[in-house]
């Protein structure tokens, strides 16, 4: 159990860089889904490992063992002694407490930001259930503000919020491309992927770099959807570039973290990707992509198997210490 219970805490150090490297070789949609799934899988496994460490340490205490009806003579979940389990369980419990506080603060901040943003549009505050429901047709809300800003606001109803300053900075076709970009964020429910990466990052420090990488690939996903909708990749690139320049000249108020915007992320890199022929097959990188995919799949499989094995070993050790003849 000792090796299996530590593996979910160590493998993210290798899997997270592999996921970022693999995402750079994939199409935007596949890259975003890969990063989000990797974050959730690794974060969940790390959380389960910390929980097992904490509970195992508690059961090494006399009161915990008596409460669970464990026999000290048969309670041996690992090679560590009772005294060695105390600092391990204390560190795991402290980590769980820190994760809980960070997750609660993140949820409170996200909901507060969304409520303020929806209040500015005249809508009722958005609750967690509204964020999970399937989006309907997106409505356009224009705010009278000289500062250039535009973003996709999730909730019911989903809205595309744009300021008069942003609309004035773009031509008619560029406005259509910008609105198509924000509409793609809402249709793809990108706010849920961002939230998943945010909470996974609270579970393990190695997963924090995946948040920024996910944000970039979500913008690229929306860029490609907008280019398909308007039928012109160069026009979409100009719209994103002009919108980013206008937003840089007149910085807007902070927007909600779960409200993606076309002006965020490395805009020059996104524009360059739109102006590059995306149909050209990346043959020199195909072997590297396959190798990275296999390595990442191996890390995720090993993490899942280790967490499952640790849980099974813990359950069997508890049954043995409780006097189950079959388990013993």
Protein backbone atom coordinates (compact mmCIF):
# COMPACT_ATOMS: atom_id res chain seq x y z
CA UNK A 1 0.00 0.00 0.00
CA UNK A 2 2.88 2.40 0.69
CA UNK A 3 4.05 2.62 -2.94
CA UNK A 4 0.55 2.70 -4.39
CA UNK A 5 -0.65 5.45 -2.07
CA UNK A 6 2.26 7.74 -2.96
CA UNK A 7 2.12 7.25 -6.72
CA UNK A 8 -0.87 9.60 -7.34
CA UNK A 9 1.06 12.36 -5.57
CA UNK A 10 4.26 11.87 -7.57
CA UNK A 11 3.09 10.98 -11.09
CA UNK A 12 1.51 14.44 -11.75
CA UNK A 13 5.04 15.86 -11.72
CA UNK A 14 5.64 13.86 -14.91
CA UNK A 15 2.15 13.73 -16.40
CA UNK A 16 1.46 17.49 -16.32
CA UNK A 17 4.45 18.45 -18.54
CA UNK A 18 3.60 15.56 -20.86
CA UNK A 19 0.03 16.81 -21.18
CA UNK A 20 1.21 20.31 -22.10
CA UNK A 21 3.66 18.93 -24.65
CA UNK A 22 1.01 16.70 -26.19
CA UNK A 23 -1.56 19.51 -26.30
CA UNK A 24 0.76 21.58 -28.49
CA UNK A 25 0.70 18.79 -31.07
CA UNK A 26 -3.09 18.36 -31.17
CA UNK A 27 -5.97 20.27 -32.70
CA UNK A 28 -7.36 22.97 -30.37
CA UNK A 29 -10.51 21.06 -29.36
CA UNK A 30 -8.64 17.81 -28.69
CA UNK A 31 -5.91 19.71 -26.84
CA UNK A 32 -8.39 21.47 -24.54
CA UNK A 33 -10.26 18.25 -23.75
CA UNK A 34 -6.98 16.42 -23.11
CA UNK A 35 -5.77 19.08 -20.67
CA UNK A 36 -9.11 19.23 -18.85
CA UNK A 37 -9.40 15.44 -18.57
CA UNK A 38 -5.80 15.14 -17.38
CA UNK A 39 -6.33 17.81 -14.74
CA UNK A 40 -9.50 16.16 -13.42
CA UNK A 41 -8.02 12.63 -13.39
CA UNK A 42 -4.78 13.62 -11.67
CA UNK A 43 -6.48 15.98 -9.22
CA UNK A 44 -9.05 13.35 -8.22
CA UNK A 45 -6.37 10.69 -7.72
CA UNK A 46 -4.24 13.04 -5.60
CA UNK A 47 -7.28 13.92 -3.51
CA UNK A 48 -8.07 10.22 -2.97
CA UNK A 49 -4.47 9.52 -1.98
CA UNK A 50 -4.45 12.32 0.57
CA UNK A 51 -7.75 11.07 1.96
CA UNK A 52 -6.39 7.54 2.36
CA UNK A 53 -3.26 8.83 4.07
CA UNK A 54 -5.33 10.87 6.50
CA UNK A 55 -7.78 8.09 7.35
CA UNK A 56 -5.02 5.51 7.71
CA UNK A 57 -3.17 7.78 10.10
CA UNK A 58 -6.31 8.38 12.15
CA UNK A 59 -6.87 4.65 12.47
CA UNK A 60 -3.36 4.28 13.89
CA UNK A 61 -4.44 6.35 16.86
CA UNK A 62 -5.90 4.36 19.77
CA UNK A 63 -9.21 6.21 19.69
CA UNK A 64 -9.56 5.83 15.92
CA UNK A 65 -8.73 2.12 16.03
CA UNK A 66 -11.23 1.56 18.85
CA UNK A 67 -13.91 3.52 17.01
CA UNK A 68 -13.44 1.37 13.89
CA UNK A 69 -13.24 -1.85 15.97
CA UNK A 70 -9.74 -2.65 14.74
CA UNK A 71 -7.50 -5.20 16.38
CA UNK A 72 -4.01 -3.69 16.89
CA UNK A 73 -2.47 -7.12 16.43
CA UNK A 74 -3.80 -7.35 12.85
CA UNK A 75 -3.82 -3.67 11.82
CA UNK A 76 -0.80 -3.45 9.49
CA UNK A 77 -1.76 -1.50 6.33
CA UNK A 78 1.91 -0.79 5.55
CA UNK A 79 5.42 -1.19 6.85
CA UNK A 80 5.31 2.15 8.69
CA UNK A 81 4.95 2.15 12.45
CA UNK A 82 2.33 4.05 14.41
CA UNK A 83 4.80 6.82 15.27
CA UNK A 84 5.86 7.17 11.63
CA UNK A 85 2.26 7.48 10.50
CA UNK A 86 1.57 10.47 12.74
CA UNK A 87 3.54 13.11 10.76
CA UNK A 88 2.43 11.58 7.44
CA UNK A 89 -1.24 11.73 8.39
CA UNK A 90 -0.84 15.23 9.84
CA UNK A 91 0.73 16.50 6.61
CA UNK A 92 -2.00 14.84 4.52
CA UNK A 93 -4.74 16.29 6.73
CA UNK A 94 -3.17 19.75 6.46
CA UNK A 95 -3.04 19.38 2.68
CA UNK A 96 -6.71 18.38 2.58
CA UNK A 97 -7.63 21.36 4.72
CA UNK A 98 -5.67 23.68 2.44
CA UNK A 99 -7.37 22.21 -0.64
CA UNK A 100 -10.79 22.67 0.96
CA UNK A 101 -10.06 26.31 1.80
CA UNK A 102 -8.69 27.03 -1.69
CA UNK A 103 -11.67 25.35 -3.38
CA UNK A 104 -14.15 27.23 -1.20
CA UNK A 105 -12.42 30.56 -1.89
CA UNK A 106 -12.34 29.80 -5.62
CA UNK A 107 -16.03 28.93 -5.72
CA UNK A 108 -16.97 32.02 -3.72
CA UNK A 109 -14.88 34.30 -5.95
CA UNK A 110 -16.19 32.79 -9.18
CA UNK A 111 -19.84 33.06 -8.16
CA UNK A 112 -19.38 36.61 -6.85
CA UNK A 113 -17.72 37.69 -10.13
CA UNK A 114 -20.49 36.11 -12.19
CA UNK A 115 -23.17 37.77 -10.07
CA UNK A 116 -21.59 41.18 -10.56
CA UNK A 117 -21.27 40.63 -14.30
CA UNK A 118 -24.88 39.49 -14.66
CA UNK A 119 -26.09 42.36 -12.51
CA UNK A 120 -24.44 44.72 -15.00
CA UNK A 121 -26.54 43.16 -17.76
CA UNK A 122 -29.75 43.41 -15.73
CA UNK A 123 -30.14 39.64 -15.24
CA UNK A 124 -30.73 37.73 -12.05
CA UNK A 125 -27.61 36.32 -10.34
CA UNK A 126 -26.35 33.04 -11.81
CA UNK A 127 -26.29 30.08 -9.46
CA UNK A 128 -24.28 26.85 -9.80
CA UNK A 129 -27.21 25.00 -11.41
CA UNK A 130 -27.52 27.60 -14.15
CA UNK A 131 -23.85 27.12 -15.03
CA UNK A 132 -24.29 23.35 -15.42
CA UNK A 133 -27.36 23.45 -17.65
CA UNK A 134 -27.06 23.17 -21.39
CA UNK A 135 -26.81 26.63 -22.96
CA UNK A 136 -29.61 28.04 -25.08
CA UNK A 137 -29.33 30.71 -27.77
CA UNK A 138 -26.85 33.39 -26.76
CA UNK A 139 -28.18 36.93 -26.44
CA UNK A 140 -26.05 39.97 -27.21
CA UNK A 141 -25.81 42.64 -24.52
CA UNK A 142 -24.17 45.94 -25.40
CA UNK A 143 -22.87 47.99 -22.49
CA UNK A 144 -22.36 51.73 -22.93
CA UNK A 145 -18.66 52.02 -22.16
CA UNK A 146 -15.82 53.63 -24.07
CA UNK A 147 -13.46 50.92 -22.86
CA UNK A 148 -13.10 48.06 -25.34
CA UNK A 149 -14.19 44.72 -23.96
CA UNK A 150 -16.15 41.63 -25.01
CA UNK A 151 -16.61 38.26 -23.36
CA UNK A 152 -18.88 35.23 -23.10
CA UNK A 153 -20.97 35.22 -19.92
CA UNK A 154 -22.33 31.77 -18.94
CA UNK A 155 -25.59 31.26 -17.11
CA UNK A 156 -29.27 31.47 -17.99
CA UNK A 157 -29.65 33.04 -20.39
CA UNK A 158 -26.11 32.85 -21.81
CA UNK A 159 -24.96 36.25 -23.00
CA UNK A 160 -22.29 37.78 -25.19
CA UNK A 161 -21.33 41.02 -23.49
CA UNK A 162 -19.67 43.72 -25.61
CA UNK A 163 -19.02 47.36 -24.92
CA UNK A 164 -19.70 50.18 -27.34
CA UNK A 165 -15.96 50.90 -27.34
CA UNK A 166 -15.18 47.41 -28.62
CA UNK A 167 -17.87 47.48 -31.31
CA UNK A 168 -16.71 50.91 -32.50
CA UNK A 169 -13.12 49.65 -32.85
CA UNK A 170 -14.11 46.89 -35.32
CA UNK A 171 -15.61 46.82 -38.77
CA UNK A 172 -18.85 45.01 -39.49
CA UNK A 173 -17.23 41.74 -40.66
CA UNK A 174 -14.80 41.85 -37.76
CA UNK A 175 -17.69 42.23 -35.32
CA UNK A 176 -19.29 39.12 -36.81
CA UNK A 177 -16.06 37.17 -36.32
CA UNK A 178 -15.73 38.40 -32.73
CA UNK A 179 -19.31 37.46 -31.89
CA UNK A 180 -18.81 34.04 -33.48
CA UNK A 181 -15.75 33.55 -31.28
CA UNK A 182 -17.66 34.35 -28.09
CA UNK A 183 -20.61 32.25 -29.23
CA UNK A 184 -18.26 29.28 -29.62
CA UNK A 185 -17.17 29.68 -25.98
CA UNK A 186 -20.78 29.41 -24.83
CA UNK A 187 -21.69 26.54 -27.15
CA UNK A 188 -18.64 24.55 -26.08
CA UNK A 189 -19.33 25.26 -22.38
CA UNK A 190 -15.73 26.30 -21.95
CA UNK A 191 -16.45 27.77 -18.52
CA UNK A 192 -16.90 24.24 -17.15
CA UNK A 193 -13.49 23.19 -18.44
CA UNK A 194 -11.91 26.28 -16.91
CA UNK A 195 -13.60 25.57 -13.58
CA UNK A 196 -12.46 21.94 -13.63
CA UNK A 197 -8.85 22.98 -14.23
CA UNK A 198 -9.10 25.59 -11.47
CA UNK A 199 -10.27 23.10 -8.86
CA UNK A 200 -7.81 20.44 -10.02
CA UNK A 201 -4.96 22.94 -9.59
CA UNK A 202 -5.98 23.32 -5.95
CA UNK A 203 -5.52 19.56 -5.46
CA UNK A 204 -1.91 19.42 -6.69
CA UNK A 205 0.61 22.22 -7.36
CA UNK A 206 1.95 20.43 -10.45
CA UNK A 207 -1.42 20.91 -12.16
CA UNK A 208 -1.36 24.71 -11.95
CA UNK A 209 0.50 25.23 -15.26
CA UNK A 210 -2.30 23.35 -17.03
CA UNK A 211 -4.72 26.21 -16.31
CA UNK A 212 -2.88 28.67 -18.52
CA UNK A 213 -2.34 26.07 -21.25
CA UNK A 214 -6.03 25.17 -21.18
CA UNK A 215 -7.03 28.83 -21.50
CA UNK A 216 -4.88 29.20 -24.61
CA UNK A 217 -6.26 26.10 -26.33
CA UNK A 218 -9.84 27.11 -25.49
CA UNK A 219 -9.23 30.42 -27.24
CA UNK A 220 -7.75 28.57 -30.20
CA UNK A 221 -10.81 26.30 -30.23
CA UNK A 222 -13.07 29.35 -30.38
CA UNK A 223 -10.82 30.93 -33.01
CA UNK A 224 -11.23 27.94 -35.31
CA UNK A 225 -15.00 27.88 -34.75
CA UNK A 226 -15.22 31.57 -35.60
CA UNK A 227 -13.10 31.10 -38.73
CA UNK A 228 -15.42 28.31 -39.85
CA UNK A 229 -18.52 30.39 -39.10
CA UNK A 230 -17.42 33.44 -41.10
CA UNK A 231 -15.55 31.41 -43.70
CA UNK A 232 -12.41 33.56 -43.58
CA UNK A 233 -9.38 32.78 -41.39
CA UNK A 234 -7.61 36.05 -42.25
CA UNK A 235 -10.69 38.05 -41.25
CA UNK A 236 -10.88 36.20 -37.94
CA UNK A 237 -7.18 36.88 -37.31
CA UNK A 238 -7.68 40.61 -38.02
CA UNK A 239 -10.71 40.75 -35.74
CA UNK A 240 -8.82 39.17 -32.85
CA UNK A 241 -5.78 41.38 -33.40
CA UNK A 242 -7.79 44.61 -33.63
CA UNK A 243 -9.87 43.65 -30.60
CA UNK A 244 -6.75 42.95 -28.57
CA UNK A 245 -5.17 46.27 -29.60
CA UNK A 246 -8.33 48.17 -28.69
CA UNK A 247 -8.54 46.42 -25.33
CA UNK A 248 -4.88 47.22 -24.64
CA UNK A 249 -5.40 50.93 -25.36
CA UNK A 250 -8.41 51.18 -23.04
CA UNK A 251 -8.14 48.54 -20.30
CA UNK A 252 -11.56 47.42 -19.12
CA UNK A 253 -12.69 46.42 -15.67
CA UNK A 254 -11.73 42.89 -14.51
CA UNK A 255 -14.06 40.28 -15.99
CA UNK A 256 -15.10 36.99 -14.35
CA UNK A 257 -12.54 34.20 -14.52
CA UNK A 258 -15.18 31.89 -16.03
CA UNK A 259 -16.04 34.38 -18.79
CA UNK A 260 -13.67 33.65 -21.71
CA UNK A 261 -12.75 36.54 -23.98
CA UNK A 262 -11.18 36.77 -27.42
CA UNK A 263 -8.59 39.29 -26.21
CA UNK A 264 -7.00 37.00 -23.61
CA UNK A 265 -4.01 34.75 -23.93
CA UNK A 266 -1.05 35.07 -26.31
CA UNK A 267 -2.86 36.88 -29.12
CA UNK A 268 0.14 37.03 -31.56
CA UNK A 269 0.52 33.26 -31.30
CA UNK A 270 -3.18 32.77 -31.97
CA UNK A 271 -3.13 35.13 -34.95
CA UNK A 272 -0.10 33.35 -36.38
CA UNK A 273 -1.89 30.01 -36.02
CA UNK A 274 -4.94 31.34 -37.88
CA UNK A 275 -2.81 32.68 -40.71
CA UNK A 276 -0.99 29.35 -41.06
CA UNK A 277 -2.48 26.71 -43.30
CA UNK A 278 -4.02 24.39 -40.73
CA UNK A 279 -4.51 21.66 -43.34
CA UNK A 280 -0.76 21.03 -43.62
CA UNK A 281 -0.10 17.69 -41.87
CA UNK A 282 2.61 17.95 -39.19
CA UNK A 283 4.47 14.84 -40.40
CA UNK A 284 7.77 15.59 -38.59
CA UNK A 285 5.89 15.81 -35.27
CA UNK A 286 3.70 12.77 -35.73
CA UNK A 287 6.13 10.39 -34.00
CA UNK A 288 6.65 12.83 -31.15
CA UNK A 289 2.89 13.25 -30.74
CA UNK A 290 2.35 9.50 -30.63
CA UNK A 291 5.13 9.05 -28.10
CA UNK A 292 3.78 11.83 -25.88
CA UNK A 293 0.25 10.38 -26.09
CA UNK A 294 1.45 6.93 -25.09
CA UNK A 295 3.51 8.32 -22.22
CA UNK A 296 0.61 10.41 -20.94
CA UNK A 297 -1.80 7.48 -21.22
CA UNK A 298 0.66 5.35 -19.29
CA UNK A 299 0.95 7.95 -16.53
CA UNK A 300 -2.83 8.30 -16.24
CA UNK A 301 -3.32 4.54 -16.22
CA UNK A 302 -0.63 4.09 -13.59
CA UNK A 303 -2.14 6.85 -11.45
CA UNK A 304 -5.63 5.37 -11.65
CA UNK A 305 -4.38 1.85 -10.98
CA UNK A 306 -2.29 3.00 -8.02
CA UNK A 307 -5.22 4.86 -6.46
CA UNK A 308 -7.49 1.85 -6.95
CA UNK A 309 -4.90 -0.52 -5.52
CA UNK A 310 -4.32 1.70 -2.50
CA UNK A 311 -8.05 1.83 -1.83
CA UNK A 312 -8.36 -1.95 -2.19
CA UNK A 313 -5.39 -2.58 0.11
CA UNK A 314 -6.81 -0.19 2.70
CA UNK A 315 -10.20 -1.90 2.60
CA UNK A 316 -8.63 -5.33 2.93
CA UNK A 317 -6.41 -4.20 5.83
CA UNK A 318 -9.43 -2.80 7.67
CA UNK A 319 -11.42 -6.02 7.18
CA UNK A 320 -8.46 -8.03 8.41
CA UNK A 321 -8.04 -5.89 11.50
CA UNK A 322 -11.77 -6.11 12.20
CA UNK A 323 -11.51 -9.88 12.41
CA UNK A 324 -12.88 -10.93 9.02
CA UNK A 325 -11.58 -14.51 8.59
CA UNK A 326 -11.90 -14.38 4.81
CA UNK A 327 -9.81 -11.21 4.53
CA UNK A 328 -7.30 -12.51 7.04
